[in-house]
Amino acid sequence: MNARGTIFFAILMPWGRVGSNLVCATLSQTPGVSVDNEPTTRIRTEGHRNGLCRAEVAKQQSTQLEEFVDTHAGVTPVAGLKLSHRSLVEPESYLLQLREHGFKLVTMTRGNHLKAAISQLRAQERATQMTGEWNSPWAVRAEEPKPGPASIDIEKAIRLTAIFAKMEASLEKSVESVFEGIALRIEYEELASDPVETIELIFGYLGLVAPETIALRYRKATSDRLSDDICNYAEFEAAVEAAGYSHFLEP
């Protein structure tokens, strides 16, 4: 908590596809809670587009954080940031800045990196073929239709699986070095199996009272059984096993 009475928090994910939209939507609907969605990603994307060096992008990310704290301290009861660890140019420095300002940190991870990769690929496909069925390709609302089966780029899926594993390991290293075990870790499978209880756990960690009724605004876009959503599953399964990722497939 800031000296002026504001509770600050950050939701940190390795990259995406970990259920952060569901959690942040619930927090944002709570009176007195404000959440800024991925400001460091915006800054890094714009910096890359404008040809800025890494040091300048890191400086802008740090400045944005200071401005966020100054804007909300003593004004907003609860203020949070949703962040992608991948977007942080100087992750440990940025996390140290969070800790110095008294931010409570929630990390959201997904141990099944293959399913995270498939979820990412399916979302990217929706982004290129938006038909009006979904408000956003990245988060399917509860009232929207579940995306149907599709063929998967197998080589890309295997490559993304390795990237997701690397991103999660990098996040864990940075968080442990700065927050030293005091962050709350949420695993995607826990959230998916019992979203209400998991969200209540997050509210409790932040020192907040969870709403009596938690409206789940988003639904899973990819089935637990990957074979239900991958048209070329037999070929996919063989390649995944050859790559050493068979432990991520359903039993």
Protein backbone atom coordinates (compact mmCIF):
# COMPACT_ATOMS: atom_id res chain seq x y z
CA MET A 1 0.00 0.00 0.00
CA ASN A 2 1.24 3.45 -0.87
CA ALA A 3 1.83 5.92 1.95
CA ARG A 4 -1.23 7.83 0.77
CA GLY A 5 -3.50 4.81 1.15
CA THR A 6 -3.69 3.36 -2.34
CA ILE A 7 -3.27 -0.38 -2.85
CA PHE A 8 -1.03 -0.96 -5.87
CA PHE A 9 -0.74 -4.30 -7.63
CA ALA A 10 0.60 -5.82 -10.84
CA ILE A 11 -0.57 -8.86 -12.77
CA LEU A 12 2.54 -10.25 -14.47
CA MET A 13 2.43 -12.91 -17.19
CA PRO A 14 5.27 -14.44 -19.22
CA TRP A 15 3.63 -13.46 -22.51
CA GLY A 16 -0.09 -14.20 -22.70
CA ARG A 17 -2.74 -16.95 -22.90
CA VAL A 18 -2.74 -17.45 -19.12
CA GLY A 19 -6.25 -16.22 -18.22
CA SER A 20 -5.22 -12.66 -17.37
CA ASN A 21 -8.12 -11.14 -19.31
CA LEU A 22 -10.61 -12.93 -17.08
CA VAL A 23 -8.88 -11.88 -13.87
CA CYS A 24 -8.36 -8.25 -14.91
CA ALA A 25 -11.93 -7.93 -16.19
CA THR A 26 -13.24 -9.02 -12.78
CA LEU A 27 -10.95 -6.60 -10.97
CA SER A 28 -11.87 -3.74 -13.31
CA GLN A 29 -15.58 -4.25 -12.63
CA THR A 30 -15.00 -3.81 -8.90
CA PRO A 31 -15.80 -0.30 -7.59
CA GLY A 32 -12.66 1.63 -6.69
CA VAL A 33 -10.33 -0.56 -8.78
CA SER A 34 -8.49 0.75 -11.86
CA VAL A 35 -6.39 -1.49 -14.13
CA ASP A 36 -4.09 -0.27 -16.91
CA ASN A 37 -3.76 -2.91 -19.63
CA GLU A 38 -0.18 -3.61 -20.76
CA PRO A 39 1.32 -0.11 -20.84
CA THR A 40 4.85 -1.52 -21.18
CA THR A 41 3.81 -3.46 -24.27
CA ARG A 42 2.43 -0.29 -25.83
CA ILE A 43 5.63 1.58 -25.06
CA ARG A 44 7.89 -1.15 -26.43
CA THR A 45 5.80 -1.56 -29.60
CA GLU A 46 5.77 2.18 -30.27
CA GLY A 47 9.45 2.48 -29.45
CA HIS A 48 10.32 -0.26 -31.93
CA ARG A 49 8.13 1.39 -34.56
CA ASN A 50 9.91 4.72 -33.98
CA GLY A 51 13.41 3.24 -33.98
CA LEU A 52 14.21 4.01 -30.34
CA CYS A 53 17.12 2.28 -28.63
CA ARG A 54 16.49 -0.17 -25.79
CA ALA A 55 17.75 2.26 -23.15
CA GLU A 56 15.23 4.90 -24.23
CA VAL A 57 12.36 2.40 -24.24
CA ALA A 58 13.36 1.21 -20.76
CA LYS A 59 13.42 4.84 -19.59
CA GLN A 60 9.92 5.42 -20.98
CA GLN A 61 8.61 2.29 -19.25
CA SER A 62 10.10 3.48 -15.95
CA THR A 63 8.68 6.98 -16.41
CA GLN A 64 5.22 5.61 -17.18
CA LEU A 65 5.30 3.62 -13.94
CA GLU A 66 6.24 6.70 -11.92
CA GLU A 67 3.43 8.66 -13.58
CA PHE A 68 0.99 5.85 -12.88
CA VAL A 69 1.86 5.91 -9.19
CA ASP A 70 1.67 9.71 -9.01
CA THR A 71 -1.71 9.72 -10.77
CA HIS A 72 -3.37 7.16 -8.50
CA ALA A 73 -1.68 7.55 -5.10
CA GLY A 74 -4.19 8.95 -2.62
CA VAL A 75 -6.83 9.24 -5.34
CA THR A 76 -7.69 5.72 -6.49
CA PRO A 77 -8.36 3.11 -3.76
CA VAL A 78 -6.84 0.26 -5.79
CA ALA A 79 -4.70 0.65 -8.90
CA GLY A 80 -3.10 -2.12 -10.92
CA LEU A 81 -1.05 -2.85 -13.99
CA LYS A 82 -1.40 -5.83 -16.30
CA LEU A 83 2.08 -6.57 -17.62
CA SER A 84 3.82 -8.93 -20.03
CA HIS A 85 7.26 -9.86 -18.72
CA ARG A 86 8.35 -10.23 -22.33
CA SER A 87 7.69 -6.53 -22.90
CA LEU A 88 10.00 -5.36 -20.10
CA VAL A 89 13.29 -4.11 -21.52
CA GLU A 90 15.00 -4.19 -18.11
CA PRO A 91 12.80 -6.62 -16.16
CA GLU A 92 14.64 -6.78 -12.85
CA SER A 93 15.04 -3.02 -12.70
CA TYR A 94 11.33 -2.56 -13.46
CA LEU A 95 10.27 -5.15 -10.88
CA LEU A 96 12.49 -3.47 -8.29
CA GLN A 97 10.69 -0.21 -9.04
CA LEU A 98 7.36 -1.99 -8.45
CA ARG A 99 8.56 -3.35 -5.13
CA GLU A 100 9.91 0.00 -3.99
CA HIS A 101 6.46 1.50 -4.59
CA GLY A 102 4.82 -1.26 -2.55
CA PHE A 103 3.15 -3.11 -5.41
CA LYS A 104 1.66 -6.49 -4.64
CA LEU A 105 2.65 -8.89 -7.40
CA VAL A 106 0.53 -11.67 -8.90
CA THR A 107 2.25 -13.85 -11.49
CA MET A 108 0.09 -15.84 -13.87
CA THR A 109 1.77 -18.79 -15.56
CA ARG A 110 0.81 -21.79 -17.66
CA GLY A 111 2.80 -24.96 -17.15
CA ASN A 112 1.46 -26.61 -20.29
CA HIS A 113 3.47 -24.60 -22.78
CA LEU A 114 2.13 -26.56 -25.74
CA LYS A 115 -1.47 -25.59 -24.94
CA ALA A 116 -0.36 -21.99 -24.46
CA ALA A 117 1.21 -22.11 -27.92
CA ILE A 118 -1.92 -23.58 -29.51
CA SER A 119 -4.08 -20.96 -27.80
CA GLN A 120 -1.79 -18.23 -29.16
CA LEU A 121 -1.89 -19.60 -32.71
CA ARG A 122 -5.67 -19.93 -32.69
CA ALA A 123 -6.02 -16.35 -31.43
CA GLN A 124 -3.65 -15.09 -34.13
CA GLU A 125 -5.73 -16.90 -36.73
CA ARG A 126 -8.89 -15.21 -35.44
CA ALA A 127 -7.11 -11.86 -35.60
CA THR A 128 -6.51 -12.31 -39.32
CA GLN A 129 -9.99 -13.59 -40.10
CA MET A 130 -12.31 -11.54 -37.90
CA THR A 131 -15.90 -12.25 -38.94
CA GLY A 132 -17.83 -10.27 -36.35
CA GLU A 133 -18.45 -13.32 -34.18
CA TRP A 134 -16.00 -12.11 -31.53
CA ASN A 135 -15.41 -8.70 -30.03
CA SER A 136 -11.69 -9.48 -29.78
CA PRO A 137 -9.60 -12.37 -31.11
CA TRP A 138 -7.64 -12.50 -27.85
CA ALA A 139 -10.49 -13.04 -25.39
CA VAL A 140 -13.74 -14.84 -26.20
CA ARG A 141 -16.66 -13.47 -24.20
CA ALA A 142 -18.94 -15.86 -22.34
CA GLU A 143 -21.86 -15.07 -24.65
CA GLU A 144 -19.82 -15.50 -27.85
CA PRO A 145 -19.51 -18.81 -29.75
CA LYS A 146 -16.52 -21.01 -28.99
CA PRO A 147 -14.11 -20.99 -31.93
CA GLY A 148 -14.28 -24.22 -33.90
CA PRO A 149 -11.54 -26.67 -34.95
CA ALA A 150 -8.78 -25.55 -37.30
CA SER A 151 -5.59 -26.86 -38.84
CA ILE A 152 -2.44 -25.89 -36.94
CA ASP A 153 0.95 -24.87 -38.30
CA ILE A 154 2.83 -27.69 -36.57
CA GLU A 155 6.33 -26.28 -36.95
CA LYS A 156 5.23 -22.95 -35.54
CA ALA A 157 3.41 -24.63 -32.64
CA ILE A 158 6.53 -26.52 -31.60
CA ARG A 159 8.68 -23.41 -31.90
CA LEU A 160 6.20 -21.39 -29.80
CA THR A 161 6.14 -24.13 -27.16
CA ALA A 162 9.88 -23.67 -26.63
CA ILE A 163 9.46 -19.89 -26.55
CA PHE A 164 6.72 -20.07 -23.91
CA ALA A 165 8.89 -22.31 -21.75
CA LYS A 166 11.77 -19.86 -22.06
CA MET A 167 9.56 -16.87 -21.26
CA GLU A 168 8.17 -18.52 -18.12
CA ALA A 169 11.64 -19.44 -16.88
CA SER A 170 12.79 -15.87 -17.45
CA LEU A 171 9.82 -14.50 -15.52
CA GLU A 172 10.40 -16.84 -12.60
CA LYS A 173 14.08 -15.88 -12.41
CA SER A 174 13.34 -12.15 -12.39
CA VAL A 175 10.51 -12.38 -9.87
CA GLU A 176 12.47 -14.55 -7.45
CA SER A 177 15.49 -12.25 -7.56
CA VAL A 178 13.40 -9.17 -6.70
CA PHE A 179 10.31 -10.31 -4.79
CA GLU A 180 12.02 -13.25 -3.06
CA GLY A 181 9.00 -15.50 -2.69
CA ILE A 182 6.41 -12.92 -1.64
CA ALA A 183 4.52 -12.82 -4.95
CA LEU A 184 1.32 -14.80 -5.45
CA ARG A 185 1.61 -17.35 -8.27
CA ILE A 186 -1.50 -18.43 -10.16
CA GLU A 187 -1.29 -21.42 -12.49
CA TYR A 188 -3.66 -21.39 -15.46
CA GLU A 189 -4.97 -24.90 -14.75
CA GLU A 190 -6.08 -23.76 -11.29
CA LEU A 191 -7.90 -20.79 -12.76
CA ALA A 192 -9.50 -22.87 -15.51
CA SER A 193 -10.69 -25.62 -13.14
CA ASP A 194 -12.14 -23.27 -10.52
CA PRO A 195 -12.17 -19.65 -11.70
CA VAL A 196 -14.35 -18.32 -8.87
CA GLU A 197 -12.19 -19.75 -6.08
CA THR A 198 -8.99 -18.64 -7.81
CA ILE A 199 -10.24 -15.10 -8.34
CA GLU A 200 -11.34 -14.96 -4.70
CA LEU A 201 -7.79 -16.00 -3.74
CA ILE A 202 -6.38 -13.10 -5.75
CA PHE A 203 -8.79 -10.63 -4.14
CA GLY A 204 -7.79 -11.89 -0.71
CA TYR A 205 -4.09 -11.53 -1.49
CA LEU A 206 -4.70 -7.92 -2.54
CA GLY A 207 -6.60 -7.24 0.67
CA LEU A 208 -9.91 -6.86 -1.14
CA VAL A 209 -13.33 -8.35 -0.57
CA ALA A 210 -14.38 -10.35 -3.61
CA PRO A 211 -17.82 -9.58 -5.10
CA GLU A 212 -20.62 -11.80 -3.83
CA THR A 213 -21.22 -12.85 -7.41
CA ILE A 214 -18.25 -13.12 -9.73
CA ALA A 215 -19.38 -12.70 -13.32
CA LEU A 216 -17.10 -14.68 -15.62
CA ARG A 217 -16.97 -12.46 -18.70
CA TYR A 218 -14.72 -14.74 -20.75
CA ARG A 219 -14.62 -18.41 -21.68
CA LYS A 220 -11.92 -20.85 -22.78
CA ALA A 221 -11.42 -20.58 -26.53
CA THR A 222 -9.52 -23.87 -26.83
CA SER A 223 -10.73 -27.22 -25.50
CA ASP A 224 -8.85 -29.14 -22.83
CA ARG A 225 -8.59 -31.97 -25.37
CA LEU A 226 -6.46 -30.55 -28.18
CA SER A 227 -7.74 -33.25 -30.53
CA ASP A 228 -11.15 -31.54 -30.39
CA ASP A 229 -9.77 -28.33 -31.87
CA ILE A 230 -6.93 -29.43 -34.19
CA CYS A 231 -8.03 -30.79 -37.56
CA ASN A 232 -4.59 -32.23 -38.40
CA TYR A 233 -4.22 -33.79 -34.97
CA ALA A 234 -2.62 -37.12 -35.99
CA GLU A 235 0.22 -35.35 -37.79
CA PHE A 236 0.45 -32.81 -34.97
CA GLU A 237 0.66 -35.51 -32.30
CA ALA A 238 3.46 -37.36 -34.10
CA ALA A 239 5.52 -34.18 -34.48
CA VAL A 240 4.98 -33.18 -30.85
CA GLU A 241 6.14 -36.58 -29.66
CA ALA A 242 9.21 -36.39 -31.91
CA ALA A 243 10.03 -32.96 -30.43
CA GLY A 244 9.92 -34.34 -26.88
CA TYR A 245 6.72 -32.59 -25.82
CA SER A 246 4.42 -35.62 -25.54
CA HIS A 247 3.96 -34.96 -21.80
CA PHE A 248 1.90 -31.90 -22.76
CA LEU A 249 -0.62 -33.98 -24.72
CA GLU A 250 -3.77 -35.33 -23.12
CA PRO A 251 -3.44 -38.81 -21.54
